Amino acid sequence: IGQREACLEVLPLNDSGKIVTGNALRLDWLEVCPPPEKPGAVEEDLGGPTGRMALDAKEPEVETYICGNPPYKGNSQQTHAQKEDMHKAVAQTVTGWKTLDYICGWFLKALNYAVRVTSKVAFVSTNSVCQGQQVSALWPNIFGSDFEIFFAHTSFKWKNLAKHNAGVTVVVIGLSKRSAADKRLFSLDENDQTPIVRTVAHINGYLVPARNVVVQKRAKTPSDRAEMLRGNMPYDGGNLLLSPYELEQLHLSSKQRALFIKRIFGSQEFIRGQERYCIWIEDNKLPEAKATADFSRRIEQVREMRTASPDAGANAIADAAHRFREMNCASSHTLAMPRVSSENRYYLPIGLLPQGAVITDLNFGLYDAPLWNMALIASKLHLVWIATVCGKMKTDFRYSNTLGWNTFPVPPLTENQKADLTRCAEDILLAREHYWPATIADMYDPERMDKEFPL
C-alpha cells in the first residue's frame, strides 16, 4: 500500500467493512472474523497442442488482523461485570481462573481462535501474567494447546502520551504454534537503558529461557527450616496503633506502658526506621486494660468499626476488639521480611527484631527462628528465586511465604553448614550495627552502598 492509499479517509467503514459491537470476552471470534474460505479448483490453460487444463487449489492471499485494547485489571480490581466476563470466557477450561488478570481472557480467547485458524498472537500485557500464581493457572493451558512463546520482552515500565498516563509495568509476549525455530527474548540492562536481545531455544511462562516448569504454592514449610508466617493484621481503624506523639498523650504509667505498649513494625518502620507503637492487650489482661479510660475508649471504637465493616472477617472478630486479628509475638527475637521490597536493592532486606517487637501484616515473620534462616533469605540466590517465581508490585519484589520461602529449593544442610550460615547472618548484623543509625533503606541504596557503607 502506498502513501496515498494510507492517507485515505476510510472511516466510517460503511459498505467497505463490517462493524460488530459487543464484549470481546463474550463474542465468538470465529463468527466475527471467520477464516477465509478456501477456493475450489482453479482451471489454468497451459496452451500447447493438447490444450490441457491444470487444476490448482491455491491458498487465498488474505490476512486478518484482530486488534484490541483490554483493560489492565488485576483479579482484585475487576468489577463484578468483568468477573462475569472472565467466568464466561475461561471458567470451563481454566482451573484457578479467579486469580487471573483481566487480560488473560484475551490470551485465552485469542488462543482458542488461533488453534482453529492458522495465526499468531501478540500482546502487551501486565507483567503479573508471568509471575506468581498466574503462571500455574494460565500457561499450562497455552502450552498444552501446542503453542509456545516465540518472542517476548521481559518487564519494563510503559508510558503513553495520554493526558492520564497509564504508567504500568508490562511485558510483551508473542505466541505461535510450536516449532523448532529459535526464539527471541528481549530485555533491558540493569539501568533500564540498553536493549538486550538473546536467541534461545525455549521461553517458559516466567519469561526465562528454560523448560516449562511451574512452581505451585506450598502451604507447609519444609521441616528443615523455620516456619514463616504473615504478620499481625490490626483491623482496627487506626485505634490500636500509635504515633510517638499519640503515645505521649495517653499519659500512661511505666507499668501500663510495660504491660500494654509495644514497638510495632510495618514495612516502612522496618526498612526506613520510622517509629510507631501499638496497644497490645492479651486476653488475661483485658480487665486491667479496660480500667484505663483511653484504652477502653479505643477498644470500643475498634468494636464499632469491625461491626460496621462490610467485611465478614472483620465482623467475626468484633467481640475481640482489644486484639489484633493475629497475636503472634516472639519469645526472644523475630526475623522480619517485608512483603514488598524495592527492585533496586541487590539483596532482600531481611532483619532481626528484638524481644517484644510486633510486626504487622506488611511483613512476614520467623519467630524465634535459628539465625541461619536469615542468611538463606539474604542470599543472592534467594533473591533470584523470588524475582522469578513470585509476583511483583509493579517491578518491586513482592515476597510470598507459600510461593517463595516454602518452595525455595535447599539441599539438606549439615550442622557445619548451618554454623557457617549463622556466621554469615551475624556478619550482616554486625555490619548494620557498625553504620547505625543508618537505616536499611540507607545502607541498601545501590547508589550509596559501596561508597558510604563499604563492607
Protein backbone atom coordinates (compact mmCIF):
# COMPACT_ATOMS: atom_id res chain seq x y z
CA ILE A 1 0.00 0.00 0.00
CA GLY A 2 1.41 3.38 -0.97
CA GLN A 3 1.38 6.63 0.99
CA ARG A 4 -1.66 7.95 -0.93
CA GLU A 5 -3.75 4.91 -0.01
CA ALA A 6 -2.56 5.08 3.60
CA CYS A 7 -3.90 8.63 3.88
CA LEU A 8 -7.34 7.81 2.50
CA GLU A 9 -10.27 8.55 4.76
CA VAL A 10 -11.85 5.14 5.19
CA LEU A 11 -13.88 5.75 8.34
CA PRO A 12 -16.71 5.21 8.79
CA LEU A 13 -16.40 1.88 7.01
CA ASN A 14 -19.97 1.88 5.65
CA ASP A 15 -20.03 -0.62 2.80
CA SER A 16 -16.30 -1.34 2.91
CA GLY A 17 -16.43 -3.46 6.04
CA LYS A 18 -18.47 -4.87 8.89
CA ILE A 19 -18.62 -3.46 12.40
CA VAL A 20 -19.69 -5.68 15.28
CA THR A 21 -20.33 -4.05 18.64
CA GLY A 22 -20.04 -6.30 21.67
CA ASN A 23 -17.99 -7.68 24.53
CA ALA A 24 -14.81 -9.31 23.21
CA LEU A 25 -14.78 -11.90 26.00
CA ARG A 26 -18.35 -12.99 25.27
CA LEU A 27 -18.37 -12.89 21.49
CA ASP A 28 -17.38 -15.85 19.32
CA TRP A 29 -14.35 -14.54 17.45
CA LEU A 30 -14.83 -17.14 14.71
CA GLU A 31 -18.24 -15.68 13.92
CA VAL A 32 -16.93 -12.11 13.80
CA CYS A 33 -13.74 -12.97 11.87
CA PRO A 34 -14.35 -16.30 10.14
CA PRO A 35 -11.38 -17.82 8.34
CA PRO A 36 -11.38 -17.14 4.59
CA GLU A 37 -12.90 -19.97 2.63
CA LYS A 38 -10.51 -21.94 0.51
CA PRO A 39 -11.39 -21.55 -3.19
CA GLY A 40 -12.28 -24.50 -5.31
CA ALA A 41 -10.08 -25.80 -8.11
CA VAL A 42 -8.90 -23.11 -10.48
CA GLU A 43 -8.53 -24.05 -14.17
CA GLU A 44 -5.50 -22.74 -15.97
CA ASP A 45 -4.92 -23.01 -19.76
CA LEU A 46 -1.42 -24.34 -20.23
CA GLY A 47 -1.54 -23.87 -24.00
CA GLY A 48 0.16 -26.29 -26.38
CA PRO A 49 -1.39 -28.67 -28.86
CA THR A 50 -3.37 -30.60 -26.30
CA GLY A 51 -4.91 -27.53 -24.70
CA ARG A 52 -4.73 -29.27 -21.27
CA MET A 53 -6.16 -27.51 -18.21
CA ALA A 54 -4.38 -27.69 -14.84
CA LEU A 55 -6.29 -27.74 -11.53
CA ASP A 56 -4.65 -25.68 -8.80
CA ALA A 57 -6.23 -25.30 -5.36
CA LYS A 58 -4.42 -22.17 -4.17
CA GLU A 59 -4.49 -20.79 -0.64
CA PRO A 60 -6.23 -17.42 -0.52
CA GLU A 61 -3.87 -14.47 -0.18
CA VAL A 62 -5.77 -12.89 2.72
CA GLU A 63 -4.55 -11.59 6.06
CA THR A 64 -6.82 -10.87 9.01
CA TYR A 65 -5.69 -8.71 11.93
CA ILE A 66 -7.58 -8.71 15.22
CA CYS A 67 -6.52 -5.82 17.43
CA GLY A 68 -7.79 -4.80 20.84
CA ASN A 69 -7.04 -2.85 23.99
CA PRO A 70 -8.02 -4.95 27.03
CA PRO A 71 -8.27 -3.11 30.37
CA TYR A 72 -5.29 -3.75 32.66
CA LYS A 73 -7.21 -5.07 35.64
CA GLY A 74 -5.77 -7.42 38.24
CA ASN A 75 -8.01 -10.08 39.79
CA SER A 76 -8.71 -7.90 42.85
CA GLN A 77 -9.50 -4.80 40.76
CA GLN A 78 -12.07 -6.29 38.43
CA THR A 79 -15.68 -5.13 38.59
CA HIS A 80 -18.47 -7.63 39.08
CA ALA A 81 -19.23 -7.42 35.35
CA GLN A 82 -15.60 -8.10 34.47
CA LYS A 83 -15.50 -11.12 36.77
CA GLU A 84 -18.60 -12.39 34.97
CA ASP A 85 -16.80 -11.86 31.64
CA MET A 86 -13.88 -13.96 32.86
CA HIS A 87 -16.25 -16.64 34.14
CA LYS A 88 -17.99 -16.87 30.78
CA ALA A 89 -14.74 -16.84 28.82
CA VAL A 90 -12.41 -19.17 30.73
CA ALA A 91 -14.01 -20.83 33.77
CA GLN A 92 -14.81 -24.06 31.94
CA THR A 93 -11.24 -24.60 30.77
CA VAL A 94 -9.01 -22.95 33.39
CA THR A 95 -8.65 -24.11 36.98
CA GLY A 96 -7.82 -21.19 39.24
CA TRP A 97 -9.19 -18.63 36.76
CA LYS A 98 -10.19 -16.29 39.61
CA THR A 99 -6.52 -15.46 40.19
CA LEU A 100 -6.03 -14.24 36.61
CA ASP A 101 -5.69 -10.67 35.37
CA TYR A 102 -8.43 -9.50 33.02
CA ILE A 103 -6.09 -9.55 30.02
CA CYS A 104 -5.69 -13.32 30.43
CA GLY A 105 -9.18 -13.61 28.98
CA TRP A 106 -7.82 -12.12 25.74
CA PHE A 107 -4.87 -14.50 25.77
CA LEU A 108 -7.19 -17.49 26.02
CA LYS A 109 -9.78 -16.19 23.53
CA ALA A 110 -7.01 -15.44 21.04
CA LEU A 111 -5.50 -18.88 21.64
CA ASN A 112 -8.87 -20.52 21.00
CA TYR A 113 -9.09 -18.59 17.73
CA ALA A 114 -5.51 -19.34 16.70
CA VAL A 115 -5.98 -23.07 17.30
CA ARG A 116 -8.71 -23.09 14.62
CA VAL A 117 -7.22 -20.51 12.27
CA THR A 118 -3.53 -20.58 11.45
CA SER A 119 -2.35 -17.41 13.14
CA LYS A 120 -0.02 -15.85 15.66
CA VAL A 121 -0.84 -13.88 18.79
CA ALA A 122 0.97 -11.00 20.48
CA PHE A 123 0.02 -8.84 23.45
CA VAL A 124 1.43 -6.04 25.53
CA SER A 125 0.31 -7.29 28.92
CA THR A 126 0.53 -6.63 32.62
CA ASN A 127 3.71 -8.37 33.77
CA SER A 128 1.84 -10.25 36.51
CA VAL A 129 0.67 -12.84 33.94
CA CYS A 130 4.23 -14.20 34.12
CA GLN A 131 4.54 -14.13 37.90
CA GLY A 132 3.24 -15.87 40.98
CA GLN A 133 0.01 -17.86 40.97
CA GLN A 134 -0.96 -16.75 37.46
CA VAL A 135 1.78 -18.80 35.83
CA SER A 136 0.32 -22.08 37.07
CA ALA A 137 -3.23 -21.01 36.13
CA LEU A 138 -2.55 -19.60 32.65
CA TRP A 139 0.48 -21.11 30.97
CA PRO A 140 -0.20 -24.87 31.16
CA ASN A 141 -3.37 -24.16 29.15
CA ILE A 142 -1.40 -22.33 26.48
CA PHE A 143 1.49 -24.76 26.25
CA GLY A 144 -0.95 -27.69 26.36
CA SER A 145 -2.56 -26.39 23.16
CA ASP A 146 0.70 -26.99 21.26
CA PHE A 147 1.55 -23.28 21.34
CA GLU A 148 4.76 -21.65 22.55
CA ILE A 149 6.26 -18.23 23.18
CA PHE A 150 8.21 -17.37 20.05
CA PHE A 151 9.31 -13.94 21.28
CA ALA A 152 8.96 -11.94 24.49
CA HIS A 153 10.16 -8.79 26.22
CA THR A 154 10.63 -9.03 29.99
CA SER A 155 9.17 -6.44 32.40
CA PHE A 156 9.61 -2.75 31.62
CA LYS A 157 7.84 0.46 32.61
CA TRP A 158 5.50 1.58 29.85
CA LYS A 159 4.10 5.07 29.45
CA ASN A 160 1.99 6.73 26.83
CA LEU A 161 1.26 10.28 25.73
CA ALA A 162 -2.31 10.32 27.01
CA LYS A 163 -3.43 13.04 29.42
CA HIS A 164 -3.78 10.47 32.18
CA ASN A 165 -0.64 8.42 31.64
CA ALA A 166 -1.17 4.70 32.11
CA GLY A 167 2.26 4.24 33.73
CA VAL A 168 2.15 0.46 34.11
CA THR A 169 4.79 -2.26 34.15
CA VAL A 170 4.31 -4.59 31.21
CA VAL A 171 5.70 -7.47 29.21
CA VAL A 172 5.32 -8.23 25.51
CA ILE A 173 4.54 -11.82 24.56
CA GLY A 174 4.15 -13.47 21.16
CA LEU A 175 2.55 -16.89 20.75
CA SER A 176 2.66 -19.26 17.81
CA LYS A 177 2.38 -22.94 17.01
CA ARG A 178 5.26 -24.95 18.42
CA SER A 179 8.26 -25.19 16.11
CA ALA A 180 11.98 -25.92 16.18
CA ALA A 181 12.83 -22.34 15.22
CA ASP A 182 14.89 -20.18 17.59
CA LYS A 183 13.05 -17.82 19.91
CA ARG A 184 13.98 -14.23 20.75
CA LEU A 185 14.00 -12.87 24.29
CA PHE A 186 14.27 -9.10 24.73
CA SER A 187 15.16 -7.29 27.95
CA LEU A 188 16.86 -4.13 29.25
CA ASP A 189 20.14 -3.86 31.11
CA GLU A 190 20.36 -3.16 34.85
CA ASN A 191 19.91 0.58 34.21
CA ASP A 192 16.80 0.02 32.06
CA GLN A 193 18.57 1.75 29.18
CA THR A 194 20.32 -0.62 26.79
CA PRO A 195 18.26 -3.28 24.97
CA ILE A 196 19.49 -6.85 25.18
CA VAL A 197 18.39 -9.47 22.65
CA ARG A 198 19.02 -13.18 23.17
CA THR A 199 18.38 -16.02 20.78
CA VAL A 200 17.19 -19.01 22.79
CA ALA A 201 15.72 -22.45 22.21
CA HIS A 202 12.71 -22.05 24.50
CA ILE A 203 10.92 -19.44 26.65
CA ASN A 204 8.74 -20.58 29.56
CA GLY A 205 5.86 -18.90 31.39
CA TYR A 206 8.21 -16.95 33.66
CA LEU A 207 9.86 -15.50 30.52
CA VAL A 208 13.01 -17.44 31.32
CA PRO A 209 14.93 -19.41 28.64
CA ALA A 210 14.23 -22.77 30.24
CA ARG A 211 11.81 -25.70 30.08
CA ASN A 212 8.17 -25.36 31.13
CA VAL A 213 8.44 -25.61 34.90
CA VAL A 214 5.58 -24.31 37.05
CA VAL A 215 6.08 -23.59 40.75
CA GLN A 216 2.93 -24.23 42.80
CA LYS A 217 2.16 -22.77 46.22
CA ARG A 218 3.23 -24.91 49.14
CA ALA A 219 1.22 -24.38 52.33
CA LYS A 220 3.54 -26.25 54.66
CA THR A 221 7.10 -25.15 55.36
CA PRO A 222 9.71 -27.91 54.84
CA SER A 223 10.65 -29.45 58.17
CA ASP A 224 14.32 -28.49 57.82
CA ARG A 225 13.71 -24.73 58.04
CA ALA A 226 11.75 -22.27 60.20
CA GLU A 227 8.08 -21.57 59.54
CA MET A 228 7.33 -18.16 58.04
CA LEU A 229 4.03 -16.51 58.98
CA ARG A 230 2.37 -13.31 57.83
CA GLY A 231 2.49 -10.59 60.48
CA ASN A 232 -0.40 -9.36 62.60
CA MET A 233 -3.35 -7.62 60.91
CA PRO A 234 -4.65 -4.76 63.11
CA TYR A 235 -8.17 -4.46 61.58
CA ASP A 236 -8.54 -1.56 64.00
CA GLY A 237 -9.40 1.60 62.08
CA GLY A 238 -6.19 3.05 63.50
CA ASN A 239 -7.30 2.78 67.12
CA LEU A 240 -4.71 0.24 68.26
CA LEU A 241 -1.81 1.98 66.50
CA LEU A 242 0.02 4.97 67.98
CA SER A 243 2.49 7.54 66.75
CA PRO A 244 5.09 8.66 69.32
CA TYR A 245 3.03 11.81 69.89
CA GLU A 246 -0.21 9.85 70.41
CA LEU A 247 1.55 7.56 72.86
CA GLU A 248 2.69 10.50 74.97
CA GLN A 249 -0.86 11.90 75.01
CA LEU A 250 -2.11 8.77 76.78
CA HIS A 251 -0.14 9.71 79.93
CA LEU A 252 0.46 6.09 80.93
CA SER A 253 2.38 4.94 83.95
CA SER A 254 5.59 2.99 83.42
CA LYS A 255 3.76 -0.17 84.48
CA GLN A 256 0.96 0.41 81.96
CA ARG A 257 3.48 1.05 79.18
CA ALA A 258 5.33 -2.15 80.04
CA LEU A 259 2.11 -4.19 80.07
CA PHE A 260 0.22 -2.80 77.08
CA ILE A 261 2.53 -0.92 74.71
CA LYS A 262 4.87 -2.50 72.15
CA ARG A 263 7.01 -1.16 69.33
CA ILE A 264 5.39 -2.17 66.02
CA PHE A 265 6.97 -2.56 62.60
CA GLY A 266 5.27 -2.38 59.24
CA SER A 267 7.48 -2.45 56.16
CA GLN A 268 8.28 1.30 56.33
CA GLU A 269 9.04 1.20 60.05
CA PHE A 270 11.37 -1.73 59.46
CA ILE A 271 13.15 -0.51 56.32
CA ARG A 272 13.20 3.24 56.99
CA GLY A 273 13.47 3.20 60.78
CA GLN A 274 10.20 5.02 61.38
CA GLU A 275 8.89 4.92 64.95
CA ARG A 276 5.44 3.55 65.76
CA TYR A 277 3.76 1.79 68.66
CA CYS A 278 0.69 -0.32 69.32
CA ILE A 279 -1.67 -1.21 72.12
CA TRP A 280 -1.12 -4.93 72.73
CA ILE A 281 -3.62 -6.50 75.11
CA GLU A 282 -3.53 -10.19 75.95
CA ASP A 283 -6.87 -11.79 76.85
CA ASN A 284 -5.95 -12.31 80.50
CA LYS A 285 -5.02 -8.62 80.84
CA LEU A 286 -8.23 -7.23 79.32
CA PRO A 287 -9.99 -6.28 82.60
CA GLU A 288 -6.92 -4.34 83.73
CA ALA A 289 -6.61 -2.60 80.34
CA LYS A 290 -10.28 -1.59 80.36
CA ALA A 291 -9.76 0.15 83.66
CA THR A 292 -7.77 2.77 81.72
CA ALA A 293 -10.23 5.18 80.09
CA ASP A 294 -8.15 5.75 76.93
CA PHE A 295 -7.78 2.02 76.33
CA SER A 296 -11.46 1.38 76.98
CA ARG A 297 -12.48 4.12 74.53
CA ARG A 298 -10.19 2.85 71.80
CA ILE A 299 -11.36 -0.76 72.27
CA GLU A 300 -14.97 0.37 71.84
CA GLN A 301 -14.05 2.28 68.67
CA VAL A 302 -12.43 -0.87 67.26
CA ARG A 303 -15.57 -2.86 68.07
CA GLU A 304 -17.79 -0.30 66.32
CA MET A 305 -15.51 -0.22 63.27
CA ARG A 306 -15.42 -4.00 62.92
CA THR A 307 -19.17 -4.35 63.44
CA ALA A 308 -19.95 -1.76 60.76
CA SER A 309 -17.46 -3.16 58.26
CA PRO A 310 -18.82 -4.90 55.12
CA ASP A 311 -16.00 -7.43 55.59
CA ALA A 312 -17.31 -10.63 57.21
CA GLY A 313 -13.82 -11.30 58.59
CA ALA A 314 -13.89 -8.03 60.50
CA ASN A 315 -17.40 -8.76 61.81
CA ALA A 316 -16.24 -12.14 63.12
CA ILE A 317 -13.64 -10.57 65.43
CA ALA A 318 -15.69 -7.58 66.60
CA ASP A 319 -16.20 -9.12 70.05
CA ALA A 320 -12.41 -9.38 70.49
CA ALA A 321 -11.88 -5.69 69.80
CA HIS A 322 -8.88 -5.46 72.12
CA ARG A 323 -6.86 -7.78 69.90
CA PHE A 324 -5.21 -7.70 66.51
CA ARG A 325 -6.55 -10.41 64.20
CA GLU A 326 -3.36 -12.38 64.91
CA MET A 327 -1.40 -12.08 68.14
CA ASN A 328 2.00 -13.50 67.20
CA CYS A 329 4.95 -12.23 69.18
CA ALA A 330 8.31 -13.96 69.65
CA SER A 331 9.79 -15.02 72.97
CA SER A 332 13.32 -13.94 72.07
CA HIS A 333 13.56 -12.46 68.55
CA THR A 334 11.80 -12.14 65.21
CA LEU A 335 13.28 -12.37 61.72
CA ALA A 336 11.22 -9.87 59.71
CA MET A 337 10.90 -9.87 55.92
CA PRO A 338 8.89 -7.05 54.26
CA ARG A 339 6.25 -8.30 51.83
CA VAL A 340 7.25 -5.68 49.23
CA SER A 341 10.82 -4.55 48.64
CA SER A 342 12.36 -2.23 46.07
CA GLU A 343 13.64 -3.79 42.86
CA ASN A 344 16.72 -1.56 43.13
CA ARG A 345 18.15 -3.40 46.13
CA TYR A 346 20.79 -6.04 45.49
CA TYR A 347 19.57 -8.11 48.45
CA LEU A 348 16.30 -8.76 50.25
CA PRO A 349 16.12 -6.66 53.47
CA ILE A 350 15.59 -9.47 55.96
CA GLY A 351 16.42 -8.36 59.50
CA LEU A 352 16.37 -9.13 63.22
CA LEU A 353 13.93 -7.53 65.69
CA PRO A 354 14.30 -7.85 69.45
CA GLN A 355 12.06 -9.47 72.04
CA GLY A 356 8.71 -7.72 72.39
CA ALA A 357 8.66 -6.25 68.88
CA VAL A 358 5.42 -6.72 66.92
CA ILE A 359 5.23 -6.91 63.13
CA THR A 360 2.18 -6.05 61.03
CA ASP A 361 0.84 -8.00 58.08
CA LEU A 362 3.06 -5.88 55.80
CA ASN A 363 5.88 -8.18 56.90
CA PHE A 364 6.43 -11.89 57.19
CA GLY A 365 7.94 -13.19 60.41
CA LEU A 366 10.03 -16.16 61.50
CA TYR A 367 9.51 -16.24 65.26
CA ASP A 368 12.44 -17.36 67.43
CA ALA A 369 14.00 -18.90 64.31
CA PRO A 370 17.63 -20.04 64.15
CA LEU A 371 19.73 -17.26 62.67
CA TRP A 372 20.94 -19.35 59.71
CA ASN A 373 17.47 -18.93 58.16
CA MET A 374 18.23 -15.22 57.80
CA ALA A 375 21.36 -15.97 55.75
CA LEU A 376 19.34 -18.11 53.32
CA ILE A 377 16.83 -15.31 52.74
CA ALA A 378 19.59 -12.68 52.41
CA SER A 379 21.43 -14.72 49.77
CA LYS A 380 21.62 -13.59 46.17
CA LEU A 381 20.32 -16.99 45.10
CA HIS A 382 17.11 -16.48 47.08
CA LEU A 383 16.63 -13.04 45.51
CA VAL A 384 16.84 -14.62 42.05
CA TRP A 385 14.28 -17.24 43.09
CA ILE A 386 11.83 -14.64 44.43
CA ALA A 387 12.27 -12.43 41.37
CA THR A 388 11.42 -15.39 39.14
CA VAL A 389 8.55 -17.24 40.83
CA CYS A 390 6.80 -14.62 43.00
CA GLY A 391 4.58 -11.80 41.87
CA LYS A 392 5.71 -8.19 41.78
CA MET A 393 4.20 -4.87 42.78
CA LYS A 394 4.94 -3.01 39.53
CA THR A 395 8.59 -4.12 39.31
CA ASP A 396 9.28 -4.28 43.05
CA PHE A 397 9.73 -7.67 44.69
CA ARG A 398 6.55 -8.99 46.31
CA TYR A 399 7.55 -11.68 48.76
CA SER A 400 5.41 -14.76 49.39
CA ASN A 401 5.86 -17.33 52.14
CA THR A 402 3.90 -20.09 50.41
CA LEU A 403 5.29 -19.44 46.92
CA GLY A 404 8.77 -18.11 47.72
CA TRP A 405 10.04 -19.44 51.06
CA ASN A 406 8.28 -22.79 51.28
CA THR A 407 9.24 -23.71 47.69
CA PHE A 408 12.85 -22.47 47.79
CA PRO A 409 14.99 -25.49 46.85
CA VAL A 410 17.58 -26.04 49.56
CA PRO A 411 19.61 -29.25 49.86
CA PRO A 412 19.82 -30.92 53.30
CA LEU A 413 22.13 -28.81 55.45
CA THR A 414 24.73 -30.24 57.80
CA GLU A 415 25.31 -28.70 61.22
CA ASN A 416 28.59 -27.25 59.95
CA GLN A 417 26.79 -25.59 57.05
CA LYS A 418 24.18 -24.15 59.41
CA ALA A 419 27.01 -22.82 61.58
CA ASP A 420 28.60 -21.18 58.52
CA LEU A 421 25.27 -19.60 57.56
CA THR A 422 24.82 -18.36 61.14
CA ARG A 423 28.19 -16.62 60.97
CA CYS A 424 27.15 -15.01 57.67
CA ALA A 425 23.96 -13.68 59.26
CA GLU A 426 25.95 -12.37 62.25
CA ASP A 427 28.34 -10.59 59.89
CA ILE A 428 25.40 -8.88 58.18
CA LEU A 429 24.00 -7.73 61.53
CA LEU A 430 27.43 -6.52 62.72
CA ALA A 431 27.89 -4.53 59.51
CA ARG A 432 24.49 -2.87 60.01
CA GLU A 433 25.32 -2.11 63.64
CA HIS A 434 28.61 -0.54 62.55
CA TYR A 435 26.75 2.03 60.43
CA TRP A 436 23.97 2.76 62.94
CA PRO A 437 21.87 4.98 62.89
CA ALA A 438 21.78 4.49 59.11
CA THR A 439 18.64 2.56 58.15
CA ILE A 440 18.27 -0.44 55.86
CA ALA A 441 16.94 1.96 53.23
CA ASP A 442 20.18 3.95 53.55
CA MET A 443 22.58 1.02 53.61
CA TYR A 444 20.91 -0.94 50.80
CA ASP A 445 20.63 2.04 48.43
CA PRO A 446 22.67 0.89 45.41
CA GLU A 447 23.93 4.45 44.83
CA ARG A 448 25.33 4.62 48.37
CA MET A 449 26.04 1.00 49.30
CA ASP A 450 29.68 0.74 48.21
CA LYS A 451 30.58 4.42 48.69
CA GLU A 452 29.16 5.25 52.12
CA PHE A 453 28.69 1.76 53.58
CA PRO A 454 31.56 -0.45 52.33
CA LEU A 455 31.98 -3.85 53.90
